Amino acid sequence: MTIHEFGKKNKQVVVLIHPSIVMWDYFEYVIPLLEKKYHVIVPAIPGYDPDEKGDFSSVEEIAKGIERWLIINGYKDVACVYGCSMGGSIVIRMLANNRVNIGSAVIDGGITPYPYPWIITRFIALKDFILIYTGKIGGAKLLEKAFSTDELSEDDVQYAAKVLKMISAKTIWRTFDSCNNYSMPYEIHAECRNIEYWVAEKEVKDRRVDVAYVKKVFPHTVFRKIKNVGHGGLAPFNPEKFVRGINKIIEKK
């Protein structure tokens, strides 16, 4: 796992974990704004790392890998961990692990384990896999149906096509299978008390099950609806608003 660091002179650490079907440069517009104030750490998730060949493993393993890197490098105290969609799943698992002292956490449209029988989760994973893999083999035009929550430019669609060309079928399958079905500890005692779940206005209905799960597992979570944004659209399309949100939750603590 390649780790990218910015603003290393700053004391407070902010970890940004990207969603699926993008690379770590998903945060390219927010990094210049955050690095003025924070030490920004951006992991390139395995399977989506252009600098290191490999496949996505699982939410559990990647959470452990990020935690291990932070601890080994002396960053056990983290001001904020942010994760979007797939990245939100990883943040949820890190909160449950309690291996790193997380001051505040943002779960942006994070995916939670499905409360359905195993056979149903297989069908859901297969449906998601077919949708994305169709875009992989069919090119940019077919991607417009898969990525429709925000108004995407031609460059945005071409970027998604580039990522899909890079990642393997195994990574696509494991991403959806793991994000929908990752395990959680039987007893969860998250020490972080400053957690927010951000729901994009255009995905409120799609995130109902996830919101209910987070309310149950982390009952002190504050839920915020982000207006005029689709799933995963805040960091790339409204970076200033993204940074204000990160600043606000850190300062609140």
C-alpha atoms as a PDB file:
ATOM      1  CA  MET A   1       0.000   0.000   0.000  1.00  0.00           C
ATOM      2  CA  THR A   2       1.527   3.296  -1.113  1.00  0.00           C
ATOM      3  CA  ILE A   3       1.052   6.120   1.404  1.00  0.00           C
ATOM      4  CA  HIS A   4       1.121   9.744   0.206  1.00  0.00           C
ATOM      5  CA  GLU A   5       1.919  12.501   2.695  1.00  0.00           C
ATOM      6  CA  PHE A   6       1.505  16.264   2.510  1.00  0.00           C
ATOM      7  CA  GLY A   7       2.084  19.093   4.999  1.00  0.00           C
ATOM      8  CA  LYS A   8       4.382  16.926   7.128  1.00  0.00           C
ATOM      9  CA  LYS A   9       5.494  19.960   9.152  1.00  0.00           C
ATOM     10  CA  ASN A  10       2.030  20.245  10.693  1.00  0.00           C
ATOM     11  CA  LYS A  11       1.217  18.498  13.965  1.00  0.00           C
ATOM     12  CA  GLN A  12      -2.408  17.435  13.475  1.00  0.00           C
ATOM     13  CA  VAL A  13      -2.844  14.361  11.281  1.00  0.00           C
ATOM     14  CA  VAL A  14      -5.758  13.945   8.867  1.00  0.00           C
ATOM     15  CA  VAL A  15      -6.191  10.615   7.066  1.00  0.00           C
ATOM     16  CA  LEU A  16      -8.233  10.580   3.847  1.00  0.00           C
ATOM     17  CA  ILE A  17      -9.486   7.234   2.483  1.00  0.00           C
ATOM     18  CA  HIS A  18     -10.857   7.264  -1.044  1.00  0.00           C
ATOM     19  CA  PRO A  19     -13.920   5.453  -2.442  1.00  0.00           C
ATOM     20  CA  SER A  20     -13.881   2.699  -5.068  1.00  0.00           C
ATOM     21  CA  ILE A  21     -13.458   3.183  -8.824  1.00  0.00           C
ATOM     22  CA  VAL A  22     -11.076   6.095  -8.229  1.00  0.00           C
ATOM     23  CA  MET A  23      -7.439   6.429  -7.227  1.00  0.00           C
ATOM     24  CA  TRP A  24      -5.868   8.339  -4.362  1.00  0.00           C
ATOM     25  CA  ASP A  25      -5.859  11.497  -6.526  1.00  0.00           C
ATOM     26  CA  TYR A  26      -9.606  11.658  -5.882  1.00  0.00           C
ATOM     27  CA  PHE A  27      -8.473  14.142  -3.208  1.00  0.00           C
ATOM     28  CA  GLU A  28      -6.347  16.273  -5.544  1.00  0.00           C
ATOM     29  CA  TYR A  29      -8.448  19.404  -5.007  1.00  0.00           C
ATOM     30  CA  VAL A  30      -8.693  19.199  -1.206  1.00  0.00           C
ATOM     31  CA  ILE A  31      -5.057  18.281  -0.490  1.00  0.00           C
ATOM     32  CA  PRO A  32      -3.653  21.773  -1.323  1.00  0.00           C
ATOM     33  CA  LEU A  33      -6.224  23.325   1.013  1.00  0.00           C
ATOM     34  CA  LEU A  34      -5.750  20.900   3.909  1.00  0.00           C
ATOM     35  CA  GLU A  35      -1.958  20.669   3.827  1.00  0.00           C
ATOM     36  CA  LYS A  36      -1.655  24.311   4.861  1.00  0.00           C
ATOM     37  CA  LYS A  37      -2.956  23.366   8.306  1.00  0.00           C
ATOM     38  CA  TYR A  38      -2.721  19.574   8.653  1.00  0.00           C
ATOM     39  CA  HIS A  39      -0.375  16.682   8.016  1.00  0.00           C
ATOM     40  CA  VAL A  40      -2.447  14.948   5.338  1.00  0.00           C
ATOM     41  CA  ILE A  41      -2.037  11.188   4.839  1.00  0.00           C
ATOM     42  CA  VAL A  42      -3.683   9.562   1.817  1.00  0.00           C
ATOM     43  CA  PRO A  43      -3.359   5.775   1.392  1.00  0.00           C
ATOM     44  CA  ALA A  44      -3.593   4.396  -2.142  1.00  0.00           C
ATOM     45  CA  ILE A  45      -5.891   1.444  -1.512  1.00  0.00           C
ATOM     46  CA  PRO A  46      -4.586  -1.889  -2.888  1.00  0.00           C
ATOM     47  CA  GLY A  47      -6.134  -2.703  -6.235  1.00  0.00           C
ATOM     48  CA  TYR A  48      -6.524   1.027  -6.968  1.00  0.00           C
ATOM     49  CA  ASP A  49      -2.849   1.917  -6.558  1.00  0.00           C
ATOM     50  CA  PRO A  50      -1.221   2.955  -9.862  1.00  0.00           C
ATOM     51  CA  ASP A  51       2.251   2.591  -8.329  1.00  0.00           C
ATOM     52  CA  GLU A  52       1.908  -0.907  -6.908  1.00  0.00           C
ATOM     53  CA  LYS A  53       0.334  -3.884  -8.652  1.00  0.00           C
ATOM     54  CA  GLY A  54      -2.087  -5.943  -6.623  1.00  0.00           C
ATOM     55  CA  ASP A  55      -5.726  -6.589  -5.874  1.00  0.00           C
ATOM     56  CA  PHE A  56      -8.153  -5.312  -3.283  1.00  0.00           C
ATOM     57  CA  SER A  57      -8.146  -7.678  -0.313  1.00  0.00           C
ATOM     58  CA  SER A  58     -10.849  -6.804   2.214  1.00  0.00           C
ATOM     59  CA  VAL A  59     -12.102  -3.966   4.358  1.00  0.00           C
ATOM     60  CA  GLU A  60     -10.720  -5.697   7.447  1.00  0.00           C
ATOM     61  CA  GLU A  61      -7.228  -6.233   6.020  1.00  0.00           C
ATOM     62  CA  ILE A  62      -6.923  -2.730   4.596  1.00  0.00           C
ATOM     63  CA  ALA A  63      -8.066  -1.155   7.879  1.00  0.00           C
ATOM     64  CA  LYS A  64      -5.365  -3.171   9.661  1.00  0.00           C
ATOM     65  CA  GLY A  65      -2.790  -2.111   7.086  1.00  0.00           C
ATOM     66  CA  ILE A  66      -3.509   1.590   7.534  1.00  0.00           C
ATOM     67  CA  GLU A  67      -3.500   1.242  11.317  1.00  0.00           C
ATOM     68  CA  ARG A  68      -0.211  -0.654  11.203  1.00  0.00           C
ATOM     69  CA  TRP A  69       1.430   2.022   9.057  1.00  0.00           C
ATOM     70  CA  LEU A  70       0.201   4.836  11.317  1.00  0.00           C
ATOM     71  CA  ILE A  71       1.446   3.115  14.483  1.00  0.00           C
ATOM     72  CA  ILE A  72       4.837   2.127  13.034  1.00  0.00           C
ATOM     73  CA  ASN A  73       5.414   5.673  11.788  1.00  0.00           C
ATOM     74  CA  GLY A  74       4.483   7.287  15.100  1.00  0.00           C
ATOM     75  CA  TYR A  75       1.018   8.574  14.201  1.00  0.00           C
ATOM     76  CA  LYS A  76      -1.132   6.699  16.688  1.00  0.00           C
ATOM     77  CA  ASP A  77      -2.945   9.956  17.533  1.00  0.00           C
ATOM     78  CA  VAL A  78      -5.001  11.138  14.557  1.00  0.00           C
ATOM     79  CA  ALA A  79      -7.035  14.357  14.533  1.00  0.00           C
ATOM     80  CA  CYS A  80      -9.474  13.108  11.891  1.00  0.00           C
ATOM     81  CA  VAL A  81     -10.075  10.070   9.705  1.00  0.00           C
ATOM     82  CA  TYR A  82     -12.296  10.617   6.668  1.00  0.00           C
ATOM     83  CA  GLY A  83     -13.566   7.935   4.323  1.00  0.00           C
ATOM     84  CA  CYS A  84     -16.033   8.018   1.453  1.00  0.00           C
ATOM     85  CA  SER A  85     -18.177   5.034   0.373  1.00  0.00           C
ATOM     86  CA  MET A  86     -15.651   2.142   0.368  1.00  0.00           C
ATOM     87  CA  GLY A  87     -13.377   4.418   2.390  1.00  0.00           C
ATOM     88  CA  GLY A  88     -16.232   4.946   4.820  1.00  0.00           C
ATOM     89  CA  SER A  89     -16.422   1.184   5.361  1.00  0.00           C
ATOM     90  CA  ILE A  90     -12.729   1.190   6.240  1.00  0.00           C
ATOM     91  CA  VAL A  91     -13.248   4.076   8.685  1.00  0.00           C
ATOM     92  CA  ILE A  92     -16.100   2.177  10.364  1.00  0.00           C
ATOM     93  CA  ARG A  93     -13.863  -0.853  10.835  1.00  0.00           C
ATOM     94  CA  MET A  94     -10.990   1.319  12.155  1.00  0.00           C
ATOM     95  CA  LEU A  95     -13.338   2.885  14.706  1.00  0.00           C
ATOM     96  CA  ALA A  96     -14.391  -0.586  15.856  1.00  0.00           C
ATOM     97  CA  ASN A  97     -10.763  -1.782  16.039  1.00  0.00           C
ATOM     98  CA  ASN A  98      -9.690   1.015  18.437  1.00  0.00           C
ATOM     99  CA  ARG A  99      -6.028   0.485  17.542  1.00  0.00           C
ATOM    100  CA  VAL A 100      -5.490   4.171  16.696  1.00  0.00           C
ATOM    101  CA  ASN A 101      -6.545   7.148  18.829  1.00  0.00           C
ATOM    102  CA  ILE A 102      -9.019   8.838  16.489  1.00  0.00           C
ATOM    103  CA  GLY A 103     -10.057  12.305  17.639  1.00  0.00           C
ATOM    104  CA  SER A 104     -12.818  12.698  15.060  1.00  0.00           C
ATOM    105  CA  ALA A 105     -14.163  10.674  12.164  1.00  0.00           C
ATOM    106  CA  VAL A 106     -16.217  11.403   9.070  1.00  0.00           C
ATOM    107  CA  ILE A 107     -18.066   8.578   7.318  1.00  0.00           C
ATOM    108  CA  ASP A 108     -19.199  10.039   3.989  1.00  0.00           C
ATOM    109  CA  GLY A 109     -21.843   7.772   2.457  1.00  0.00           C
ATOM    110  CA  GLY A 110     -20.051   4.844   4.056  1.00  0.00           C
ATOM    111  CA  ILE A 111     -21.223   1.345   3.211  1.00  0.00           C
ATOM    112  CA  THR A 112     -22.180  -0.917   6.111  1.00  0.00           C
ATOM    113  CA  PRO A 113     -22.564  -4.724   6.258  1.00  0.00           C
ATOM    114  CA  TYR A 114     -25.868  -5.866   4.792  1.00  0.00           C
ATOM    115  CA  PRO A 115     -28.362  -7.316   7.305  1.00  0.00           C
ATOM    116  CA  TYR A 116     -29.556  -9.869   4.753  1.00  0.00           C
ATOM    117  CA  PRO A 117     -29.129 -13.643   4.349  1.00  0.00           C
ATOM    118  CA  TRP A 118     -25.886 -14.740   2.667  1.00  0.00           C
ATOM    119  CA  ILE A 119     -27.545 -15.793  -0.606  1.00  0.00           C
ATOM    120  CA  ILE A 120     -29.168 -12.374  -1.038  1.00  0.00           C
ATOM    121  CA  THR A 121     -25.854 -10.600  -0.493  1.00  0.00           C
ATOM    122  CA  ARG A 122     -24.384 -12.803  -3.267  1.00  0.00           C
ATOM    123  CA  PHE A 123     -27.003 -11.576  -5.713  1.00  0.00           C
ATOM    124  CA  ILE A 124     -26.440  -7.944  -4.722  1.00  0.00           C
ATOM    125  CA  ALA A 125     -22.662  -8.278  -5.114  1.00  0.00           C
ATOM    126  CA  LEU A 126     -23.129  -9.957  -8.493  1.00  0.00           C
ATOM    127  CA  LYS A 127     -25.442  -7.175  -9.682  1.00  0.00           C
ATOM    128  CA  ASP A 128     -22.930  -4.494  -8.651  1.00  0.00           C
ATOM    129  CA  PHE A 129     -20.064  -6.433 -10.204  1.00  0.00           C
ATOM    130  CA  ILE A 130     -21.859  -6.800 -13.539  1.00  0.00           C
ATOM    131  CA  LEU A 131     -22.701  -3.089 -13.607  1.00  0.00           C
ATOM    132  CA  ILE A 132     -19.101  -2.003 -13.065  1.00  0.00           C
ATOM    133  CA  TYR A 133     -17.489  -4.747 -15.123  1.00  0.00           C
ATOM    134  CA  THR A 134     -19.759  -3.829 -18.029  1.00  0.00           C
ATOM    135  CA  GLY A 135     -18.271  -0.344 -17.834  1.00  0.00           C
ATOM    136  CA  LYS A 136     -14.785  -1.853 -17.758  1.00  0.00           C
ATOM    137  CA  ILE A 137     -15.238  -3.812 -20.956  1.00  0.00           C
ATOM    138  CA  GLY A 138     -17.642  -1.426 -22.664  1.00  0.00           C
ATOM    139  CA  GLY A 139     -15.805   1.852 -22.270  1.00  0.00           C
ATOM    140  CA  ALA A 140     -16.678   5.367 -21.203  1.00  0.00           C
ATOM    141  CA  LYS A 141     -20.142   5.573 -22.768  1.00  0.00           C
ATOM    142  CA  LEU A 142     -21.492   2.728 -20.652  1.00  0.00           C
ATOM    143  CA  LEU A 143     -20.063   4.332 -17.529  1.00  0.00           C
ATOM    144  CA  GLU A 144     -22.515   7.208 -17.745  1.00  0.00           C
ATOM    145  CA  LYS A 145     -25.233   4.859 -16.463  1.00  0.00           C
ATOM    146  CA  ALA A 146     -23.082   3.636 -13.575  1.00  0.00           C
ATOM    147  CA  PHE A 147     -22.022   7.121 -12.443  1.00  0.00           C
ATOM    148  CA  SER A 148     -25.152   9.230 -12.625  1.00  0.00           C
ATOM    149  CA  THR A 149     -25.600  10.918  -9.245  1.00  0.00           C
ATOM    150  CA  ASP A 150     -23.626  14.013 -10.291  1.00  0.00           C
ATOM    151  CA  GLU A 151     -23.219  15.915 -13.530  1.00  0.00           C
ATOM    152  CA  LEU A 152     -19.999  14.437 -14.898  1.00  0.00           C
ATOM    153  CA  SER A 153     -17.835  16.074 -17.518  1.00  0.00           C
ATOM    154  CA  GLU A 154     -16.269  14.124 -20.354  1.00  0.00           C
ATOM    155  CA  ASP A 155     -12.964  14.270 -18.452  1.00  0.00           C
ATOM    156  CA  ASP A 156     -14.645  12.746 -15.376  1.00  0.00           C
ATOM    157  CA  VAL A 157     -16.054   9.859 -17.395  1.00  0.00           C
ATOM    158  CA  GLN A 158     -12.708   9.280 -19.106  1.00  0.00           C
ATOM    159  CA  TYR A 159     -11.009   9.243 -15.696  1.00  0.00           C
ATOM    160  CA  ALA A 160     -13.396   6.539 -14.474  1.00  0.00           C
ATOM    161  CA  ALA A 161     -12.746   4.563 -17.667  1.00  0.00           C
ATOM    162  CA  LYS A 162      -9.004   4.851 -17.030  1.00  0.00           C
ATOM    163  CA  VAL A 163      -9.373   3.520 -13.483  1.00  0.00           C
ATOM    164  CA  LEU A 164     -11.566   0.624 -14.615  1.00  0.00           C
ATOM    165  CA  LYS A 165      -9.033  -0.287 -17.269  1.00  0.00           C
ATOM    166  CA  MET A 166      -6.325  -0.418 -14.579  1.00  0.00           C
ATOM    167  CA  ILE A 167      -8.138  -2.448 -11.914  1.00  0.00           C
ATOM    168  CA  SER A 168      -8.750  -6.177 -12.142  1.00  0.00           C
ATOM    169  CA  ALA A 169     -12.006  -8.102 -12.170  1.00  0.00           C
ATOM    170  CA  LYS A 170     -10.891  -9.596  -8.846  1.00  0.00           C
ATOM    171  CA  THR A 171     -10.580  -6.129  -7.335  1.00  0.00           C
ATOM    172  CA  ILE A 172     -14.056  -5.154  -8.565  1.00  0.00           C
ATOM    173  CA  TRP A 173     -15.617  -8.300  -7.104  1.00  0.00           C
ATOM    174  CA  ARG A 174     -13.770  -8.128  -3.789  1.00  0.00           C
ATOM    175  CA  THR A 175     -14.591  -4.442  -3.378  1.00  0.00           C
ATOM    176  CA  PHE A 176     -18.346  -4.943  -3.515  1.00  0.00           C
ATOM    177  CA  ASP A 177     -18.330  -8.300  -1.759  1.00  0.00           C
ATOM    178  CA  SER A 178     -16.238  -7.010   1.154  1.00  0.00           C
ATOM    179  CA  CYS A 179     -17.866  -3.587   1.538  1.00  0.00           C
ATOM    180  CA  ASN A 180     -21.270  -5.242   1.687  1.00  0.00           C
ATOM    181  CA  ASN A 181     -20.274  -8.067   4.025  1.00  0.00           C
ATOM    182  CA  TYR A 182     -17.231  -7.125   6.124  1.00  0.00           C
ATOM    183  CA  SER A 183     -17.136  -8.419   9.669  1.00  0.00           C
ATOM    184  CA  MET A 184     -17.359  -6.318  12.806  1.00  0.00           C
ATOM    185  CA  PRO A 185     -16.336  -7.217  16.383  1.00  0.00           C
ATOM    186  CA  TYR A 186     -19.074  -8.873  18.424  1.00  0.00           C
ATOM    187  CA  GLU A 187     -18.799  -6.098  21.022  1.00  0.00           C
ATOM    188  CA  ILE A 188     -17.983  -2.605  19.771  1.00  0.00           C
ATOM    189  CA  HIS A 189     -16.670   0.026  22.148  1.00  0.00           C
ATOM    190  CA  ALA A 190     -15.399   2.825  19.923  1.00  0.00           C
ATOM    191  CA  GLU A 191     -13.477   5.374  21.984  1.00  0.00           C
ATOM    192  CA  CYS A 192     -13.940   8.112  19.383  1.00  0.00           C
ATOM    193  CA  ARG A 193     -16.906  10.199  20.488  1.00  0.00           C
ATOM    194  CA  ASN A 194     -16.771  12.760  17.676  1.00  0.00           C
ATOM    195  CA  ILE A 195     -18.234  10.950  14.661  1.00  0.00           C
ATOM    196  CA  GLU A 196     -20.227  12.377  11.771  1.00  0.00           C
ATOM    197  CA  TYR A 197     -22.013  10.530   8.971  1.00  0.00           C
ATOM    198  CA  TRP A 198     -22.410  12.690   5.879  1.00  0.00           C
ATOM    199  CA  VAL A 199     -25.272  11.855   3.515  1.00  0.00           C
ATOM    200  CA  ALA A 200     -25.309  13.458   0.083  1.00  0.00           C
ATOM    201  CA  GLU A 201     -28.691  14.975  -0.710  1.00  0.00           C
ATOM    202  CA  LYS A 202     -29.025  12.904  -3.886  1.00  0.00           C
ATOM    203  CA  GLU A 203     -28.434   9.592  -2.075  1.00  0.00           C
ATOM    204  CA  VAL A 204     -30.591   9.895   1.050  1.00  0.00           C
ATOM    205  CA  LYS A 205     -32.869   6.986   0.082  1.00  0.00           C
ATOM    206  CA  ASP A 206     -29.947   4.776  -0.951  1.00  0.00           C
ATOM    207  CA  ARG A 207     -28.212   5.210   2.410  1.00  0.00           C
ATOM    208  CA  ARG A 208     -31.181   4.454   4.704  1.00  0.00           C
ATOM    209  CA  VAL A 209     -29.906   1.012   5.722  1.00  0.00           C
ATOM    210  CA  ASP A 210     -26.393   2.362   6.274  1.00  0.00           C
ATOM    211  CA  VAL A 211     -27.657   5.237   8.425  1.00  0.00           C
ATOM    212  CA  ALA A 212     -29.705   2.829  10.557  1.00  0.00           C
ATOM    213  CA  TYR A 213     -26.666   0.600  11.064  1.00  0.00           C
ATOM    214  CA  VAL A 214     -24.407   3.481  12.098  1.00  0.00           C
ATOM    215  CA  LYS A 215     -27.065   4.773  14.514  1.00  0.00           C
ATOM    216  CA  LYS A 216     -27.110   1.366  16.163  1.00  0.00           C
ATOM    217  CA  VAL A 217     -23.338   0.775  16.291  1.00  0.00           C
ATOM    218  CA  PHE A 218     -22.216   4.360  17.028  1.00  0.00           C
ATOM    219  CA  PRO A 219     -25.302   5.940  18.683  1.00  0.00           C
ATOM    220  CA  HIS A 220     -23.552   9.242  19.407  1.00  0.00           C
ATOM    221  CA  THR A 221     -22.960   9.898  15.675  1.00  0.00           C
ATOM    222  CA  VAL A 222     -24.117  13.227  14.242  1.00  0.00           C
ATOM    223  CA  PHE A 223     -25.798  12.912  10.828  1.00  0.00           C
ATOM    224  CA  ARG A 224     -25.446  15.682   8.262  1.00  0.00           C
ATOM    225  CA  LYS A 225     -27.120  16.033   4.863  1.00  0.00           C
ATOM    226  CA  ILE A 226     -24.856  17.614   2.262  1.00  0.00           C
ATOM    227  CA  LYS A 227     -26.951  19.627  -0.182  1.00  0.00           C
ATOM    228  CA  ASN A 228     -26.580  19.624  -3.969  1.00  0.00           C
ATOM    229  CA  VAL A 229     -24.165  16.688  -4.004  1.00  0.00           C
ATOM    230  CA  GLY A 230     -24.356  13.075  -5.168  1.00  0.00           C
ATOM    231  CA  HIS A 231     -22.589  10.014  -3.781  1.00  0.00           C
ATOM    232  CA  GLY A 232     -18.877  10.752  -3.472  1.00  0.00           C
ATOM    233  CA  GLY A 233     -19.252  14.151  -5.084  1.00  0.00           C
ATOM    234  CA  LEU A 234     -18.117  16.490  -2.310  1.00  0.00           C
ATOM    235  CA  ALA A 235     -14.302  16.256  -2.459  1.00  0.00           C
ATOM    236  CA  PRO A 236     -13.927  16.461  -6.267  1.00  0.00           C
ATOM    237  CA  PHE A 237     -16.750  18.931  -7.009  1.00  0.00           C
ATOM    238  CA  ASN A 238     -16.881  21.171  -3.911  1.00  0.00           C
ATOM    239  CA  PRO A 239     -13.478  21.013  -2.199  1.00  0.00           C
ATOM    240  CA  GLU A 240     -13.947  24.234  -0.224  1.00  0.00           C
ATOM    241  CA  LYS A 241     -17.112  22.889   1.391  1.00  0.00           C
ATOM    242  CA  PHE A 242     -15.319  19.602   2.096  1.00  0.00           C
ATOM    243  CA  VAL A 243     -12.481  21.394   3.896  1.00  0.00           C
ATOM    244  CA  ARG A 244     -14.910  23.506   5.938  1.00  0.00           C
ATOM    245  CA  GLY A 245     -16.547  20.301   7.123  1.00  0.00           C
ATOM    246  CA  ILE A 246     -13.222  18.747   8.141  1.00  0.00           C
ATOM    247  CA  ASN A 247     -12.150  21.915   9.947  1.00  0.00           C
ATOM    248  CA  LYS A 248     -15.468  22.123  11.769  1.00  0.00           C
ATOM    249  CA  ILE A 249     -15.449  18.568  13.141  1.00  0.00           C
ATOM    250  CA  ILE A 250     -11.812  18.849  14.284  1.00  0.00           C
ATOM    251  CA  GLU A 251     -12.406  22.209  15.955  1.00  0.00           C
ATOM    252  CA  LYS A 252     -15.575  20.883  17.616  1.00  0.00           C
ATOM    253  CA  LYS A 253     -13.510  18.359  19.537  1.00  0.00           C
END
